[in-house]
């Protein structure tokens, strides 16, 4: 079954380079990002893990835990982190799930139930394991994105999406296209004009169904 927005993520017990734990226990009361990869020691994935490592302070500032998934074992992950840290110039302090048995990839609907890893496989055998899942403290899926193998992920956009999700959840608002923190937000259509003024202050009605407002700093 596909994993959809607002579904509770599977509470799998996973093996990582930092030990074994249940995903729900690891998330705790935090937001979380799970980002997946089809194989260790691959060029695009190495640049992505390095980018995530360099953003450690940004994840911490937002109360976000990050965890990688790669369809290889713990021993490979430990060795690969040397390349990741050497290339990126930052410590990769987050865990990487060893998904050689494809349990996580299948549970998160990145691979079909009948998928398997053949002898002498290449990244193409698990190419669709190239996703980002943003998960809320309630353990439900808030956002997902899937990329092809030849396009590196934009983690500035992942940060922006986290900011938008957290703002929307905290303030009961929506965010417009290309929104960045500090910019005007959208008043939900379910909120009346009177209630909107009481909650948010004066707003700008750009269309009968599109009202924008600036949140307090």
Protein backbone atom coordinates (compact mmCIF):
# COMPACT_ATOMS: atom_id res chain seq x y z
CA UNK A 1 0.00 0.00 0.00
CA UNK A 2 1.26 3.48 -0.88
CA UNK A 3 2.37 5.79 1.91
CA UNK A 4 0.35 8.99 1.58
CA UNK A 5 0.36 12.40 3.23
CA UNK A 6 -0.96 12.18 6.83
CA UNK A 7 -0.41 8.41 7.00
CA UNK A 8 1.46 7.17 10.06
CA UNK A 9 4.87 5.94 8.97
CA UNK A 10 5.75 2.28 9.60
CA UNK A 11 7.30 1.77 13.04
CA UNK A 12 10.08 -0.48 11.77
CA UNK A 13 13.00 -1.55 13.91
CA UNK A 14 16.03 -0.63 11.81
CA UNK A 15 19.72 -1.41 11.94
CA UNK A 16 22.03 1.55 11.46
CA UNK A 17 25.69 2.47 11.84
CA UNK A 18 24.64 3.91 15.23
CA UNK A 19 22.80 0.85 16.51
CA UNK A 20 19.27 -0.58 16.22
CA UNK A 21 16.07 1.21 17.20
CA UNK A 22 12.39 1.59 16.32
CA UNK A 23 11.72 4.56 14.04
CA UNK A 24 8.97 6.00 16.25
CA UNK A 25 11.23 5.85 19.31
CA UNK A 26 14.05 7.54 17.39
CA UNK A 27 11.77 10.37 16.21
CA UNK A 28 10.42 10.97 19.71
CA UNK A 29 8.86 14.44 19.90
CA UNK A 30 10.93 15.84 17.02
CA UNK A 31 10.36 16.47 13.37
CA UNK A 32 12.32 14.07 11.20
CA UNK A 33 13.67 13.67 7.68
CA UNK A 34 14.31 10.27 6.16
CA UNK A 35 16.22 10.44 2.88
CA UNK A 36 17.00 7.36 0.84
CA UNK A 37 19.67 6.19 -1.58
CA UNK A 38 20.00 3.18 -3.91
CA UNK A 39 23.62 2.34 -3.09
CA UNK A 40 26.69 3.43 -1.12
CA UNK A 41 29.77 4.87 -2.86
CA UNK A 42 27.78 6.53 -5.65
CA UNK A 43 28.65 10.04 -6.84
CA UNK A 44 25.39 11.99 -6.60
CA UNK A 45 24.46 10.37 -3.28
CA UNK A 46 27.84 11.24 -1.79
CA UNK A 47 27.29 14.92 -2.60
CA UNK A 48 23.82 14.76 -1.04
CA UNK A 49 24.96 13.16 2.21
CA UNK A 50 27.70 15.79 2.40
CA UNK A 51 25.13 18.56 1.94
CA UNK A 52 23.01 17.14 4.76
CA UNK A 53 26.07 16.93 7.03
CA UNK A 54 26.94 20.58 6.39
CA UNK A 55 23.42 21.61 7.44
CA UNK A 56 23.69 20.05 10.92
CA UNK A 57 23.19 23.41 12.68
CA UNK A 58 20.12 24.19 10.56
CA UNK A 59 18.47 20.86 11.37
CA UNK A 60 19.16 21.36 15.07
CA UNK A 61 17.79 24.92 15.00
CA UNK A 62 14.49 23.57 13.68
CA UNK A 63 14.32 20.57 16.00
CA UNK A 64 14.70 18.16 13.08
CA UNK A 65 16.41 14.78 13.21
CA UNK A 66 17.79 13.37 9.95
CA UNK A 67 18.38 9.76 9.03
CA UNK A 68 19.69 8.27 5.81
CA UNK A 69 18.68 5.01 4.17
CA UNK A 70 20.89 3.12 1.75
CA UNK A 71 20.41 -0.32 0.27
CA UNK A 72 23.72 -1.66 1.64
CA UNK A 73 25.00 -2.89 5.00
CA UNK A 74 26.36 -1.23 8.12
CA UNK A 75 30.00 -1.99 7.27
CA UNK A 76 29.64 -0.22 3.91
CA UNK A 77 27.94 2.74 5.58
CA UNK A 78 30.80 3.20 8.03
CA UNK A 79 33.37 3.21 5.22
CA UNK A 80 31.23 5.48 3.04
CA UNK A 81 30.98 8.08 5.78
CA UNK A 82 34.72 8.63 5.40
CA UNK A 83 34.14 9.70 1.80
CA UNK A 84 31.10 11.78 2.75
CA UNK A 85 32.97 13.68 5.43
CA UNK A 86 36.09 14.08 3.32
CA UNK A 87 34.15 15.47 0.38
CA UNK A 88 31.81 17.68 2.39
CA UNK A 89 34.21 18.90 5.06
CA UNK A 90 31.68 18.22 7.83
CA UNK A 91 30.97 15.39 10.25
CA UNK A 92 28.08 13.14 9.20
CA UNK A 93 26.65 12.68 12.69
CA UNK A 94 23.30 11.27 11.60
CA UNK A 95 22.59 7.51 11.37
CA UNK A 96 22.27 5.60 8.09
CA UNK A 97 19.85 2.68 7.95
CA UNK A 98 21.22 -0.56 6.48
CA UNK A 99 18.40 -1.64 4.16
CA UNK A 100 20.08 -4.55 2.36
CA UNK A 101 16.91 -6.60 2.91
CA UNK A 102 14.76 -3.79 1.40
CA UNK A 103 12.33 -3.73 4.35
CA UNK A 104 12.37 0.07 4.63
CA UNK A 105 12.35 0.64 0.87
CA UNK A 106 9.27 -1.55 0.48
CA UNK A 107 7.45 -0.28 3.58
CA UNK A 108 7.86 3.31 2.35
CA UNK A 109 6.65 2.24 -1.11
CA UNK A 110 9.92 3.05 -2.88
CA UNK A 111 10.17 -0.49 -4.27
CA UNK A 112 7.48 -3.06 -5.09
CA UNK A 113 6.89 -5.99 -2.76
CA UNK A 114 8.52 -8.43 -5.18
CA UNK A 115 11.76 -6.42 -5.54
CA UNK A 116 15.07 -8.12 -4.71
CA UNK A 117 18.77 -7.31 -5.07
CA UNK A 118 20.50 -9.50 -7.68
CA UNK A 119 24.13 -10.58 -7.49
CA UNK A 120 26.48 -7.92 -8.83
CA UNK A 121 23.72 -5.34 -8.71
CA UNK A 122 24.10 -1.72 -9.74
CA UNK A 123 22.28 1.35 -8.39
CA UNK A 124 19.82 0.92 -11.28
CA UNK A 125 18.36 -2.14 -9.51
CA UNK A 126 17.06 0.11 -6.72
CA UNK A 127 16.86 3.39 -8.62
CA UNK A 128 13.55 4.50 -7.10
CA UNK A 129 15.09 4.54 -3.61
CA UNK A 130 15.72 8.28 -4.08
CA UNK A 131 13.14 9.93 -1.85
CA UNK A 132 12.86 12.50 0.91
CA UNK A 133 10.20 12.03 3.59
CA UNK A 134 9.43 14.81 6.09
CA UNK A 135 7.73 13.40 9.18
CA UNK A 136 6.01 15.29 11.99
CA UNK A 137 6.28 14.70 15.74
CA UNK A 138 2.98 12.80 15.47
CA UNK A 139 4.83 10.25 13.27
CA UNK A 140 2.74 11.07 10.19
CA UNK A 141 4.08 11.83 6.74
CA UNK A 142 3.91 15.56 6.00
CA UNK A 143 5.70 15.75 2.62
CA UNK A 144 7.56 13.48 0.21
CA UNK A 145 9.68 14.07 -2.89
CA UNK A 146 11.29 11.53 -5.23
CA UNK A 147 14.22 12.29 -7.55
CA UNK A 148 15.87 10.39 -10.40
CA UNK A 149 19.43 9.18 -9.94
CA UNK A 150 20.98 11.84 -12.18
CA UNK A 151 19.51 14.89 -10.38
CA UNK A 152 20.93 15.85 -7.00
CA UNK A 153 18.44 16.94 -4.38
CA UNK A 154 18.15 20.58 -3.35
CA UNK A 155 18.39 20.58 0.44
CA UNK A 156 17.78 24.32 0.58
CA UNK A 157 14.30 23.44 -0.69
CA UNK A 158 13.99 20.72 1.95
CA UNK A 159 14.83 23.31 4.63
CA UNK A 160 12.30 25.73 3.12
CA UNK A 161 9.66 22.99 3.13
CA UNK A 162 10.38 22.24 6.81
CA UNK A 163 10.03 25.94 7.64
CA UNK A 164 6.72 26.09 5.77
CA UNK A 165 5.37 22.93 7.39
CA UNK A 166 6.35 24.06 10.88
CA UNK A 167 4.91 27.54 10.35
CA UNK A 168 1.65 26.13 8.95
CA UNK A 169 1.31 23.73 11.88
CA UNK A 170 2.17 26.33 14.53
CA UNK A 171 0.10 29.23 13.17
CA UNK A 172 -2.76 27.44 11.35
CA UNK A 173 -1.92 29.12 8.05
CA UNK A 174 -0.91 28.11 4.55
CA UNK A 175 2.12 29.34 2.59
CA UNK A 176 2.14 30.60 -1.01
CA UNK A 177 4.44 29.55 -3.83
CA UNK A 178 8.13 30.23 -3.20
CA UNK A 179 7.40 31.31 0.39
CA UNK A 180 10.32 32.05 2.70
CA UNK A 181 10.25 32.76 6.46
CA UNK A 182 9.24 36.35 7.17
CA UNK A 183 7.04 36.67 4.09
CA UNK A 184 3.24 36.94 4.14
CA UNK A 185 1.22 33.78 4.66
CA UNK A 186 -2.26 32.73 3.54
CA UNK A 187 -5.31 32.72 5.81
CA UNK A 188 -7.10 29.35 5.47
CA UNK A 189 -10.37 29.50 3.53
CA UNK A 190 -12.07 27.77 6.48
CA UNK A 191 -11.47 30.84 8.68
CA UNK A 192 -14.08 33.63 8.44
CA UNK A 193 -13.04 37.25 7.92
CA UNK A 194 -14.01 38.16 11.48
CA UNK A 195 -12.13 35.22 12.95
CA UNK A 196 -9.15 36.00 10.73
CA UNK A 197 -8.98 39.58 12.02
CA UNK A 198 -9.28 38.38 15.59
CA UNK A 199 -6.53 35.80 15.17
CA UNK A 200 -4.13 37.37 12.67
CA UNK A 201 -4.98 41.08 12.58
CA UNK A 202 -5.73 42.99 9.41
CA UNK A 203 -5.27 40.96 6.24
CA UNK A 204 -5.17 41.78 2.52
CA UNK A 205 -7.92 40.24 0.37
CA UNK A 206 -6.22 39.67 -2.98
CA UNK A 207 -9.09 37.56 -4.29
CA UNK A 208 -12.36 36.55 -2.61
CA UNK A 209 -10.70 33.29 -1.60
CA UNK A 210 -7.08 34.50 -1.23
CA UNK A 211 -6.25 36.50 1.89
CA UNK A 212 -2.70 37.20 2.97
CA UNK A 213 -1.34 38.42 6.27
CA UNK A 214 2.01 39.08 7.89
CA UNK A 215 2.71 37.01 10.99
CA UNK A 216 4.24 38.70 14.05
CA UNK A 217 8.02 38.43 14.10
